[in-house]
Amino acid sequence: MSQTKAALRQQAKETRSLLSPAEIAENSRIIRQRLLDLLNGFDTVMVYASKTPEVETKDLIADLNRRGVRVVVPIIERETASLRLSYLPDPAVLRPSTFNVPEPIGHELPARPADIEAVVIPMLAFDAAGNRLGYGAGYYDRFLCRYPHLQRIGIAFSCQRTESIPADENDVKMDCIVTETGITRYNRRGITENYK
């Protein structure tokens, strides 16, 4: 299974790399608008801080902050293979850190997982059943297993969709997947509820 996942990761990276900076910017803008509608009414949302060529989230974070939403970002702890959480009232403090992921190192405002209602998660690939393929270290899967109350929203470009992702008991399915082409919702049994 891990070989298949490794091959899928490589394929997804190659497919995503074919997108031009202009396509990434435009698709990210559309995804941001969908997310802003989807997250309407939430008070505290965790959002990953993007790195190139992921779906760009800096403008989403800024928009949510302007809306009065408390935004939380993850900080990677390699020693414990876990995520530490920090509020992010100002995206300007983000600096490339572990795995080149932007983090508010030196400007941390500790946040509690129990206060978060939804989490926006990066995906290298995804399938029609709501399975997500990440970068392989399992940070998000462990975090989501520990805090099952969170609304799990995976975001990616539509070109990152694949036929099928092999999933085991440690892999956490998404409640919702957002791309530039639409929103797909799932219940916790993985059944598609609607698409728009």
N, C-alpha and C. Protein backbone atom coordinates (compact mmCIF):
# COMPACT_ATOMS: atom_id res chain seq x y z
N MET A 1 0.82 -1.20 0.00
CA MET A 1 0.00 0.00 0.00
C MET A 1 0.86 1.26 0.00
N SER A 2 1.95 1.25 0.80
CA SER A 2 2.78 2.45 0.89
C SER A 2 3.43 2.77 -0.46
N GLN A 3 3.78 1.71 -1.24
CA GLN A 3 4.35 1.95 -2.57
C GLN A 3 3.33 2.62 -3.47
N THR A 4 2.07 2.16 -3.38
CA THR A 4 1.01 2.76 -4.18
C THR A 4 0.83 4.21 -3.78
N LYS A 5 0.82 4.48 -2.46
CA LYS A 5 0.68 5.86 -1.99
C LYS A 5 1.85 6.71 -2.45
N ALA A 6 3.04 6.15 -2.40
CA ALA A 6 4.22 6.90 -2.85
C ALA A 6 4.10 7.25 -4.33
N ALA A 7 3.62 6.30 -5.12
CA ALA A 7 3.44 6.55 -6.56
C ALA A 7 2.36 7.60 -6.79
N LEU A 8 1.26 7.52 -6.02
CA LEU A 8 0.19 8.51 -6.13
C LEU A 8 0.67 9.90 -5.74
N ARG A 9 1.50 9.97 -4.70
CA ARG A 9 2.05 11.27 -4.28
C ARG A 9 2.89 11.88 -5.40
N GLN A 10 3.75 11.07 -5.99
CA GLN A 10 4.61 11.56 -7.06
C GLN A 10 3.78 12.03 -8.25
N GLN A 11 2.77 11.24 -8.61
CA GLN A 11 1.90 11.58 -9.73
C GLN A 11 1.15 12.89 -9.44
N ALA A 12 0.64 13.03 -8.21
CA ALA A 12 -0.11 14.24 -7.84
C ALA A 12 0.78 15.47 -7.88
N LYS A 13 2.01 15.32 -7.42
CA LYS A 13 2.96 16.45 -7.45
C LYS A 13 3.26 16.85 -8.90
N GLU A 14 3.45 15.85 -9.74
CA GLU A 14 3.75 16.14 -11.15
C GLU A 14 2.57 16.82 -11.83
N THR A 15 1.36 16.33 -11.56
CA THR A 15 0.16 16.93 -12.16
C THR A 15 -0.01 18.37 -11.70
N ARG A 16 0.15 18.59 -10.40
CA ARG A 16 0.00 19.94 -9.85
C ARG A 16 1.06 20.88 -10.38
N SER A 17 2.25 20.36 -10.65
CA SER A 17 3.35 21.20 -11.13
C SER A 17 3.09 21.75 -12.53
N LEU A 18 2.13 21.17 -13.25
CA LEU A 18 1.80 21.65 -14.59
C LEU A 18 0.95 22.91 -14.56
N LEU A 19 0.39 23.24 -13.40
CA LEU A 19 -0.40 24.47 -13.28
C LEU A 19 0.52 25.68 -13.31
N SER A 20 0.13 26.70 -14.06
CA SER A 20 0.92 27.94 -14.12
C SER A 20 0.65 28.77 -12.86
N PRO A 21 1.54 29.69 -12.50
CA PRO A 21 1.26 30.59 -11.37
C PRO A 21 -0.08 31.32 -11.51
N ALA A 22 -0.44 31.69 -12.75
CA ALA A 22 -1.72 32.38 -12.97
C ALA A 22 -2.90 31.44 -12.68
N GLU A 23 -2.78 30.18 -13.09
CA GLU A 23 -3.84 29.20 -12.81
C GLU A 23 -3.96 28.93 -11.32
N ILE A 24 -2.83 28.82 -10.65
CA ILE A 24 -2.85 28.61 -9.19
C ILE A 24 -3.53 29.79 -8.51
N ALA A 25 -3.19 31.01 -8.92
CA ALA A 25 -3.77 32.20 -8.30
C ALA A 25 -5.28 32.27 -8.54
N GLU A 26 -5.71 32.02 -9.77
CA GLU A 26 -7.15 32.10 -10.09
C GLU A 26 -7.94 30.98 -9.41
N ASN A 27 -7.42 29.75 -9.48
CA ASN A 27 -8.11 28.64 -8.83
C ASN A 27 -8.16 28.82 -7.32
N SER A 28 -7.09 29.34 -6.74
CA SER A 28 -7.07 29.61 -5.30
C SER A 28 -8.10 30.66 -4.93
N ARG A 29 -8.28 31.66 -5.80
CA ARG A 29 -9.27 32.71 -5.54
C ARG A 29 -10.68 32.12 -5.51
N ILE A 30 -10.97 31.24 -6.46
CA ILE A 30 -12.29 30.60 -6.52
C ILE A 30 -12.50 29.72 -5.29
N ILE A 31 -11.50 28.94 -4.94
CA ILE A 31 -11.59 28.07 -3.75
C ILE A 31 -11.80 28.91 -2.50
N ARG A 32 -11.09 30.05 -2.41
CA ARG A 32 -11.25 30.94 -1.25
C ARG A 32 -12.70 31.41 -1.13
N GLN A 33 -13.31 31.80 -2.24
CA GLN A 33 -14.70 32.27 -2.20
C GLN A 33 -15.63 31.15 -1.74
N ARG A 34 -15.41 29.95 -2.23
CA ARG A 34 -16.23 28.80 -1.80
C ARG A 34 -16.07 28.56 -0.30
N LEU A 35 -14.83 28.65 0.17
CA LEU A 35 -14.55 28.43 1.59
C LEU A 35 -15.19 29.50 2.46
N LEU A 36 -15.13 30.74 2.02
CA LEU A 36 -15.72 31.83 2.81
C LEU A 36 -17.22 31.61 2.98
N ASP A 37 -17.88 31.12 1.92
CA ASP A 37 -19.31 30.79 2.03
C ASP A 37 -19.52 29.61 2.98
N LEU A 38 -18.69 28.59 2.80
CA LEU A 38 -18.81 27.36 3.60
C LEU A 38 -18.55 27.61 5.08
N LEU A 39 -17.62 28.52 5.38
CA LEU A 39 -17.23 28.78 6.76
C LEU A 39 -18.05 29.90 7.42
N ASN A 40 -19.05 30.39 6.72
CA ASN A 40 -19.89 31.45 7.28
C ASN A 40 -20.57 30.94 8.54
N GLY A 41 -20.43 31.68 9.64
CA GLY A 41 -21.05 31.29 10.90
C GLY A 41 -20.10 30.60 11.87
N PHE A 42 -18.92 30.20 11.40
CA PHE A 42 -17.94 29.60 12.30
C PHE A 42 -17.19 30.69 13.06
N ASP A 43 -16.84 30.42 14.31
CA ASP A 43 -16.11 31.39 15.13
C ASP A 43 -14.61 31.15 15.15
N THR A 44 -14.20 29.87 15.17
CA THR A 44 -12.78 29.53 15.25
C THR A 44 -12.47 28.45 14.22
N VAL A 45 -11.55 28.76 13.32
CA VAL A 45 -11.22 27.86 12.21
C VAL A 45 -9.71 27.68 12.12
N MET A 46 -9.29 26.44 11.96
CA MET A 46 -7.87 26.15 11.74
C MET A 46 -7.63 26.08 10.23
N VAL A 47 -6.61 26.79 9.76
CA VAL A 47 -6.29 26.83 8.33
C VAL A 47 -4.79 26.60 8.18
N TYR A 48 -4.42 25.71 7.28
CA TYR A 48 -2.98 25.54 7.03
C TYR A 48 -2.43 26.77 6.32
N ALA A 49 -1.20 27.11 6.63
CA ALA A 49 -0.51 28.21 5.93
C ALA A 49 0.19 27.60 4.72
N SER A 50 -0.20 28.04 3.53
CA SER A 50 0.23 27.38 2.30
C SER A 50 1.67 27.72 1.91
N LYS A 51 2.24 26.79 1.16
CA LYS A 51 3.52 27.00 0.50
C LYS A 51 3.31 26.68 -0.98
N THR A 52 4.09 27.28 -1.84
CA THR A 52 3.99 27.04 -3.28
C THR A 52 4.30 25.57 -3.57
N PRO A 53 3.51 24.88 -4.39
CA PRO A 53 2.38 25.31 -5.23
C PRO A 53 1.02 24.88 -4.69
N GLU A 54 0.83 24.86 -3.38
CA GLU A 54 -0.45 24.47 -2.79
C GLU A 54 -1.52 25.52 -3.08
N VAL A 55 -2.78 25.17 -2.81
CA VAL A 55 -3.85 26.16 -2.84
C VAL A 55 -3.46 27.26 -1.86
N GLU A 56 -3.41 28.48 -2.33
CA GLU A 56 -2.94 29.62 -1.54
C GLU A 56 -3.98 29.98 -0.46
N THR A 57 -3.52 30.11 0.79
CA THR A 57 -4.45 30.38 1.89
C THR A 57 -4.20 31.71 2.61
N LYS A 58 -3.19 32.46 2.22
CA LYS A 58 -2.90 33.70 2.94
C LYS A 58 -4.06 34.69 2.86
N ASP A 59 -4.67 34.81 1.67
CA ASP A 59 -5.81 35.72 1.52
C ASP A 59 -7.03 35.21 2.28
N LEU A 60 -7.21 33.89 2.30
CA LEU A 60 -8.31 33.30 3.08
C LEU A 60 -8.16 33.65 4.56
N ILE A 61 -6.94 33.49 5.08
CA ILE A 61 -6.68 33.81 6.49
C ILE A 61 -6.98 35.28 6.76
N ALA A 62 -6.52 36.15 5.87
CA ALA A 62 -6.76 37.59 6.03
C ALA A 62 -8.26 37.90 5.99
N ASP A 63 -8.98 37.28 5.05
CA ASP A 63 -10.42 37.50 4.94
C ASP A 63 -11.16 37.03 6.19
N LEU A 64 -10.79 35.86 6.69
CA LEU A 64 -11.44 35.35 7.90
C LEU A 64 -11.17 36.25 9.08
N ASN A 65 -9.92 36.73 9.20
CA ASN A 65 -9.59 37.66 10.29
C ASN A 65 -10.43 38.93 10.20
N ARG A 66 -10.58 39.46 8.99
CA ARG A 66 -11.40 40.67 8.80
C ARG A 66 -12.86 40.42 9.17
N ARG A 67 -13.30 39.20 8.97
CA ARG A 67 -14.68 38.82 9.28
C ARG A 67 -14.89 38.65 10.79
N GLY A 68 -13.79 38.60 11.54
CA GLY A 68 -13.89 38.41 12.99
C GLY A 68 -13.75 36.97 13.43
N VAL A 69 -13.41 36.08 12.48
CA VAL A 69 -13.17 34.68 12.81
C VAL A 69 -11.79 34.55 13.46
N ARG A 70 -11.71 33.76 14.51
CA ARG A 70 -10.41 33.48 15.12
C ARG A 70 -9.74 32.38 14.30
N VAL A 71 -8.61 32.73 13.68
CA VAL A 71 -7.89 31.78 12.81
C VAL A 71 -6.75 31.15 13.59
N VAL A 72 -6.67 29.83 13.48
CA VAL A 72 -5.61 29.05 14.11
C VAL A 72 -4.79 28.40 13.00
N VAL A 73 -3.47 28.41 13.16
CA VAL A 73 -2.60 27.70 12.21
C VAL A 73 -1.80 26.63 12.94
N PRO A 74 -1.47 25.53 12.23
CA PRO A 74 -0.66 24.48 12.85
C PRO A 74 0.83 24.79 12.79
N ILE A 75 1.53 24.34 13.80
CA ILE A 75 2.99 24.41 13.83
C ILE A 75 3.49 22.97 13.97
N ILE A 76 4.35 22.56 13.06
CA ILE A 76 4.81 21.18 13.03
C ILE A 76 5.84 20.93 14.12
N GLU A 77 5.59 19.90 14.94
CA GLU A 77 6.56 19.47 15.95
C GLU A 77 7.14 18.14 15.51
N ARG A 78 8.31 18.18 14.91
CA ARG A 78 8.92 16.95 14.38
C ARG A 78 9.27 15.98 15.50
N GLU A 79 9.70 16.51 16.66
CA GLU A 79 10.14 15.65 17.77
C GLU A 79 9.02 14.75 18.25
N THR A 80 7.79 15.29 18.30
CA THR A 80 6.66 14.52 18.81
C THR A 80 5.74 14.06 17.67
N ALA A 81 6.09 14.39 16.43
CA ALA A 81 5.27 14.06 15.25
C ALA A 81 3.83 14.52 15.44
N SER A 82 3.68 15.76 15.95
CA SER A 82 2.35 16.29 16.22
C SER A 82 2.26 17.74 15.76
N LEU A 83 1.06 18.29 15.89
CA LEU A 83 0.82 19.69 15.53
C LEU A 83 0.58 20.51 16.78
N ARG A 84 1.28 21.63 16.88
CA ARG A 84 1.05 22.62 17.94
C ARG A 84 0.22 23.72 17.29
N LEU A 85 -0.66 24.35 18.04
CA LEU A 85 -1.59 25.30 17.45
C LEU A 85 -1.35 26.72 17.95
N SER A 86 -1.52 27.68 17.03
CA SER A 86 -1.36 29.09 17.38
C SER A 86 -2.42 29.92 16.68
N TYR A 87 -3.01 30.87 17.41
CA TYR A 87 -3.86 31.85 16.75
C TYR A 87 -3.00 32.70 15.82
N LEU A 88 -3.61 33.20 14.75
CA LEU A 88 -2.87 34.01 13.78
C LEU A 88 -3.71 35.24 13.41
N PRO A 89 -3.65 36.29 14.22
CA PRO A 89 -4.38 37.50 13.87
C PRO A 89 -3.74 38.29 12.74
N ASP A 90 -2.46 38.01 12.45
CA ASP A 90 -1.74 38.75 11.41
C ASP A 90 -0.87 37.81 10.58
N PRO A 91 -1.28 37.50 9.33
CA PRO A 91 -0.50 36.59 8.48
C PRO A 91 0.91 37.10 8.17
N ALA A 92 1.17 38.39 8.39
CA ALA A 92 2.49 38.96 8.09
C ALA A 92 3.60 38.35 8.94
N VAL A 93 3.25 37.71 10.07
CA VAL A 93 4.29 37.13 10.94
C VAL A 93 4.73 35.73 10.49
N LEU A 94 4.07 35.18 9.48
CA LEU A 94 4.43 33.84 9.01
C LEU A 94 5.80 33.84 8.34
N ARG A 95 6.62 32.85 8.68
CA ARG A 95 7.93 32.69 8.08
C ARG A 95 8.14 31.21 7.74
N PRO A 96 8.82 30.90 6.62
CA PRO A 96 9.09 29.50 6.29
C PRO A 96 9.82 28.80 7.44
N SER A 97 9.33 27.61 7.80
CA SER A 97 9.88 26.89 8.94
C SER A 97 10.05 25.41 8.57
N THR A 98 9.58 24.50 9.42
CA THR A 98 9.72 23.07 9.19
C THR A 98 9.09 22.67 7.86
N PHE A 99 9.81 21.89 7.04
CA PHE A 99 9.37 21.48 5.70
C PHE A 99 9.03 22.68 4.83
N ASN A 100 9.60 23.83 5.16
CA ASN A 100 9.37 25.08 4.43
C ASN A 100 7.92 25.60 4.58
N VAL A 101 7.19 25.06 5.57
CA VAL A 101 5.82 25.50 5.83
C VAL A 101 5.86 26.82 6.60
N PRO A 102 5.09 27.82 6.17
CA PRO A 102 5.05 29.09 6.92
C PRO A 102 4.43 28.90 8.31
N GLU A 103 5.13 29.40 9.32
CA GLU A 103 4.66 29.27 10.70
C GLU A 103 4.94 30.57 11.46
N PRO A 104 4.14 30.87 12.49
CA PRO A 104 4.33 32.10 13.26
C PRO A 104 5.35 31.94 14.39
N ILE A 105 6.52 31.40 14.08
CA ILE A 105 7.54 31.17 15.09
C ILE A 105 7.96 32.51 15.69
N GLY A 106 7.97 32.57 17.02
CA GLY A 106 8.31 33.81 17.72
C GLY A 106 7.11 34.72 17.92
N HIS A 107 5.98 34.36 17.34
CA HIS A 107 4.75 35.16 17.48
C HIS A 107 3.58 34.26 17.83
N GLU A 108 3.86 33.20 18.57
CA GLU A 108 2.83 32.22 18.87
C GLU A 108 1.84 32.72 19.92
N LEU A 109 0.57 32.41 19.66
CA LEU A 109 -0.53 32.67 20.60
C LEU A 109 -1.24 31.33 20.76
N PRO A 110 -0.88 30.55 21.78
CA PRO A 110 -1.37 29.17 21.89
C PRO A 110 -2.89 29.06 21.81
N ALA A 111 -3.33 28.05 21.06
CA ALA A 111 -4.76 27.79 20.87
C ALA A 111 -5.07 26.37 21.33
N ARG A 112 -6.31 26.16 21.76
CA ARG A 112 -6.75 24.84 22.21
C ARG A 112 -7.56 24.15 21.12
N PRO A 113 -7.25 22.90 20.82
CA PRO A 113 -8.03 22.17 19.82
C PRO A 113 -9.52 22.15 20.11
N ALA A 114 -9.88 22.11 21.38
CA ALA A 114 -11.30 22.04 21.76
C ALA A 114 -12.09 23.27 21.29
N ASP A 115 -11.40 24.39 21.07
CA ASP A 115 -12.08 25.62 20.67
C ASP A 115 -12.31 25.70 19.15
N ILE A 116 -11.65 24.82 18.40
CA ILE A 116 -11.74 24.87 16.93
C ILE A 116 -12.99 24.13 16.46
N GLU A 117 -13.67 24.72 15.48
CA GLU A 117 -14.88 24.09 14.94
C GLU A 117 -14.63 23.38 13.61
N ALA A 118 -13.74 23.94 12.80
CA ALA A 118 -13.46 23.37 11.48
C ALA A 118 -11.98 23.51 11.18
N VAL A 119 -11.49 22.60 10.34
CA VAL A 119 -10.08 22.67 9.96
C VAL A 119 -9.97 22.53 8.44
N VAL A 120 -9.23 23.46 7.82
CA VAL A 120 -8.98 23.45 6.37
C VAL A 120 -7.63 22.78 6.16
N ILE A 121 -7.65 21.68 5.40
CA ILE A 121 -6.52 20.76 5.32
C ILE A 121 -5.96 20.68 3.91
N PRO A 122 -4.64 20.70 3.76
CA PRO A 122 -4.07 20.54 2.42
C PRO A 122 -4.16 19.08 1.97
N MET A 123 -4.28 18.89 0.65
CA MET A 123 -4.33 17.54 0.10
C MET A 123 -3.41 17.47 -1.11
N LEU A 124 -2.61 16.41 -1.16
CA LEU A 124 -1.82 16.16 -2.37
C LEU A 124 -2.70 15.52 -3.43
N ALA A 125 -3.61 14.65 -2.98
CA ALA A 125 -4.56 14.00 -3.89
C ALA A 125 -5.80 13.64 -3.08
N PHE A 126 -6.90 13.37 -3.81
CA PHE A 126 -8.14 12.96 -3.17
C PHE A 126 -8.93 12.11 -4.15
N ASP A 127 -9.91 11.38 -3.62
CA ASP A 127 -10.76 10.59 -4.51
C ASP A 127 -12.23 10.88 -4.23
N ALA A 128 -13.10 10.23 -5.01
CA ALA A 128 -14.53 10.50 -4.94
C ALA A 128 -15.16 10.04 -3.64
N ALA A 129 -14.48 9.18 -2.90
CA ALA A 129 -15.02 8.67 -1.63
C ALA A 129 -14.67 9.57 -0.44
N GLY A 130 -13.91 10.66 -0.68
CA GLY A 130 -13.54 11.56 0.41
C GLY A 130 -12.22 11.21 1.07
N ASN A 131 -11.48 10.29 0.47
CA ASN A 131 -10.15 9.95 1.00
C ASN A 131 -9.15 11.02 0.59
N ARG A 132 -8.24 11.31 1.50
CA ARG A 132 -7.22 12.33 1.28
C ARG A 132 -5.84 11.69 1.31
N LEU A 133 -4.98 12.15 0.42
CA LEU A 133 -3.58 11.74 0.45
C LEU A 133 -2.77 12.97 0.81
N GLY A 134 -2.05 12.88 1.95
CA GLY A 134 -1.21 13.99 2.38
C GLY A 134 0.24 13.75 1.97
N TYR A 135 1.14 14.40 2.66
CA TYR A 135 2.55 14.30 2.29
C TYR A 135 3.23 13.06 2.86
N GLY A 136 2.53 12.33 3.73
CA GLY A 136 3.05 11.04 4.17
C GLY A 136 3.51 10.95 5.61
N ALA A 137 3.58 12.07 6.31
CA ALA A 137 4.07 12.02 7.69
C ALA A 137 2.96 11.76 8.70
N GLY A 138 1.70 11.90 8.29
CA GLY A 138 0.58 11.56 9.17
C GLY A 138 0.20 12.58 10.22
N TYR A 139 0.74 13.80 10.14
CA TYR A 139 0.45 14.82 11.16
C TYR A 139 -1.05 15.10 11.27
N TYR A 140 -1.69 15.32 10.14
CA TYR A 140 -3.12 15.66 10.16
C TYR A 140 -3.97 14.47 10.57
N ASP A 141 -3.64 13.28 10.07
CA ASP A 141 -4.43 12.10 10.44
C ASP A 141 -4.41 11.88 11.94
N ARG A 142 -3.25 11.98 12.57
CA ARG A 142 -3.16 11.80 14.03
C ARG A 142 -3.95 12.88 14.75
N PHE A 143 -3.83 14.12 14.28
CA PHE A 143 -4.54 15.24 14.90
C PHE A 143 -6.05 15.05 14.78
N LEU A 144 -6.53 14.68 13.59
CA LEU A 144 -7.96 14.53 13.36
C LEU A 144 -8.54 13.33 14.12
N CYS A 145 -7.76 12.27 14.27
CA CYS A 145 -8.22 11.13 15.08
C CYS A 145 -8.37 11.52 16.54
N ARG A 146 -7.48 12.38 17.00
CA ARG A 146 -7.51 12.79 18.40
C ARG A 146 -8.66 13.76 18.68
N TYR A 147 -9.06 14.53 17.67
CA TYR A 147 -10.12 15.52 17.85
C TYR A 147 -11.21 15.31 16.79
N PRO A 148 -12.05 14.29 17.00
CA PRO A 148 -13.05 13.93 15.98
C PRO A 148 -14.20 14.92 15.83
N HIS A 149 -14.30 15.90 16.74
CA HIS A 149 -15.40 16.88 16.65
C HIS A 149 -15.21 17.87 15.51
N LEU A 150 -14.02 17.96 14.98
CA LEU A 150 -13.72 18.97 13.97
C LEU A 150 -14.40 18.68 12.63
N GLN A 151 -14.92 19.72 12.00
CA GLN A 151 -15.41 19.62 10.63
C GLN A 151 -14.17 19.61 9.73
N ARG A 152 -13.99 18.54 8.94
CA ARG A 152 -12.76 18.34 8.17
C ARG A 152 -12.98 18.75 6.72
N ILE A 153 -12.30 19.82 6.32
CA ILE A 153 -12.47 20.36 4.97
C ILE A 153 -11.14 20.26 4.23
N GLY A 154 -11.09 19.38 3.24
CA GLY A 154 -9.88 19.25 2.43
C GLY A 154 -9.97 20.15 1.21
N ILE A 155 -8.86 20.80 0.86
CA ILE A 155 -8.87 21.64 -0.33
C ILE A 155 -7.71 21.26 -1.25
N ALA A 156 -7.99 21.34 -2.54
CA ALA A 156 -6.99 21.02 -3.57
C ALA A 156 -7.50 21.54 -4.89
N PHE A 157 -6.65 21.48 -5.90
CA PHE A 157 -7.08 21.79 -7.26
C PHE A 157 -7.73 20.54 -7.85
N SER A 158 -8.70 20.73 -8.74
CA SER A 158 -9.44 19.59 -9.29
C SER A 158 -8.53 18.59 -10.01
N CYS A 159 -7.42 19.05 -10.56
CA CYS A 159 -6.49 18.15 -11.25
C CYS A 159 -5.83 17.15 -10.30
N GLN A 160 -5.96 17.36 -9.00
CA GLN A 160 -5.35 16.47 -8.02
C GLN A 160 -6.25 15.28 -7.65
N ARG A 161 -7.44 15.27 -8.23
CA ARG A 161 -8.34 14.14 -7.98
C ARG A 161 -7.79 12.91 -8.69
N THR A 162 -7.85 11.77 -7.99
CA THR A 162 -7.39 10.51 -8.56
C THR A 162 -8.51 9.47 -8.44
N GLU A 163 -8.36 8.39 -9.17
CA GLU A 163 -9.42 7.36 -9.22
C GLU A 163 -9.72 6.80 -7.83
N SER A 164 -8.68 6.38 -7.12
CA SER A 164 -8.88 5.74 -5.82
C SER A 164 -7.61 5.86 -4.98
N ILE A 165 -7.80 6.15 -3.70
CA ILE A 165 -6.68 6.24 -2.77
C ILE A 165 -6.80 5.10 -1.77
N PRO A 166 -5.77 4.26 -1.66
CA PRO A 166 -5.83 3.18 -0.66
C PRO A 166 -5.83 3.77 0.74
N ALA A 167 -6.83 3.40 1.54
CA ALA A 167 -6.96 3.96 2.89
C ALA A 167 -6.96 2.83 3.92
N ASP A 168 -6.32 3.07 5.06
CA ASP A 168 -6.36 2.10 6.15
C ASP A 168 -7.00 2.76 7.37
N GLU A 169 -6.96 2.06 8.50
CA GLU A 169 -7.66 2.56 9.70
C GLU A 169 -7.06 3.86 10.24
N ASN A 170 -5.83 4.19 9.85
CA ASN A 170 -5.20 5.43 10.32
C ASN A 170 -5.51 6.64 9.45
N ASP A 171 -6.12 6.40 8.29
CA ASP A 171 -6.43 7.48 7.36
C ASP A 171 -7.81 8.06 7.66
N VAL A 172 -7.87 9.38 7.78
CA VAL A 172 -9.12 10.05 8.12
C VAL A 172 -9.75 10.65 6.87
N LYS A 173 -11.02 10.32 6.64
CA LYS A 173 -11.73 10.87 5.47
C LYS A 173 -12.16 12.30 5.75
N MET A 174 -12.36 13.05 4.67
CA MET A 174 -12.83 14.42 4.76
C MET A 174 -14.36 14.45 4.90
N ASP A 175 -14.85 15.48 5.57
CA ASP A 175 -16.29 15.74 5.60
C ASP A 175 -16.72 16.51 4.36
N CYS A 176 -15.75 17.21 3.79
CA CYS A 176 -16.04 18.10 2.67
C CYS A 176 -14.75 18.30 1.88
N ILE A 177 -14.85 18.30 0.56
CA ILE A 177 -13.70 18.59 -0.29
C ILE A 177 -14.07 19.75 -1.20
N VAL A 178 -13.19 20.76 -1.22
CA VAL A 178 -13.43 21.97 -2.00
C VAL A 178 -12.35 22.10 -3.06
N THR A 179 -12.78 22.26 -4.32
CA THR A 179 -11.86 22.57 -5.41
C THR A 179 -12.43 23.79 -6.14
N GLU A 180 -11.74 24.20 -7.20
CA GLU A 180 -12.24 25.34 -7.97
C GLU A 180 -13.50 24.96 -8.77
N THR A 181 -13.78 23.67 -8.90
CA THR A 181 -14.95 23.25 -9.68
C THR A 181 -16.18 22.98 -8.82
N GLY A 182 -16.03 22.92 -7.51
CA GLY A 182 -17.20 22.70 -6.67
C GLY A 182 -16.87 22.21 -5.28
N ILE A 183 -17.94 21.86 -4.55
CA ILE A 183 -17.85 21.37 -3.18
C ILE A 183 -18.52 20.00 -3.13
N THR A 184 -17.83 19.02 -2.59
CA THR A 184 -18.42 17.70 -2.39
C THR A 184 -18.47 17.45 -0.89
N ARG A 185 -19.65 17.07 -0.41
CA ARG A 185 -19.83 16.79 1.02
C ARG A 185 -20.02 15.28 1.22
N TYR A 186 -19.55 14.81 2.36
CA TYR A 186 -19.66 13.40 2.72
C TYR A 186 -20.22 13.31 4.13
N ASN A 187 -20.91 12.21 4.43
CA ASN A 187 -21.18 11.97 5.84
C ASN A 187 -20.03 11.11 6.36
N ARG A 188 -20.02 10.81 7.61
CA ARG A 188 -18.86 10.12 8.19
C ARG A 188 -18.74 8.67 7.71
N ARG A 189 -19.72 8.19 6.96
CA ARG A 189 -19.62 6.85 6.36
C ARG A 189 -19.08 6.96 4.94
N GLY A 190 -18.75 8.18 4.48
CA GLY A 190 -18.13 8.35 3.18
C GLY A 190 -19.09 8.44 2.03
N ILE A 191 -20.38 8.64 2.33
CA ILE A 191 -21.37 8.74 1.27
C ILE A 191 -21.52 10.18 0.81
N THR A 192 -21.45 10.40 -0.48
CA THR A 192 -21.61 11.74 -1.02
C THR A 192 -23.03 12.22 -0.78
N GLU A 193 -23.15 13.41 -0.19
CA GLU A 193 -24.47 13.95 0.11
C GLU A 193 -24.95 14.94 -0.93
N ASN A 194 -24.05 15.77 -1.40
CA ASN A 194 -24.44 16.70 -2.48
C ASN A 194 -23.19 17.27 -3.13
N TYR A 195 -23.40 17.87 -4.26
CA TYR A 195 -22.30 18.47 -5.01
C TYR A 195 -22.81 19.76 -5.63
N LYS A 196 -22.01 20.81 -5.48
CA LYS A 196 -22.44 22.06 -6.11
C LYS A 196 -21.25 22.81 -6.65
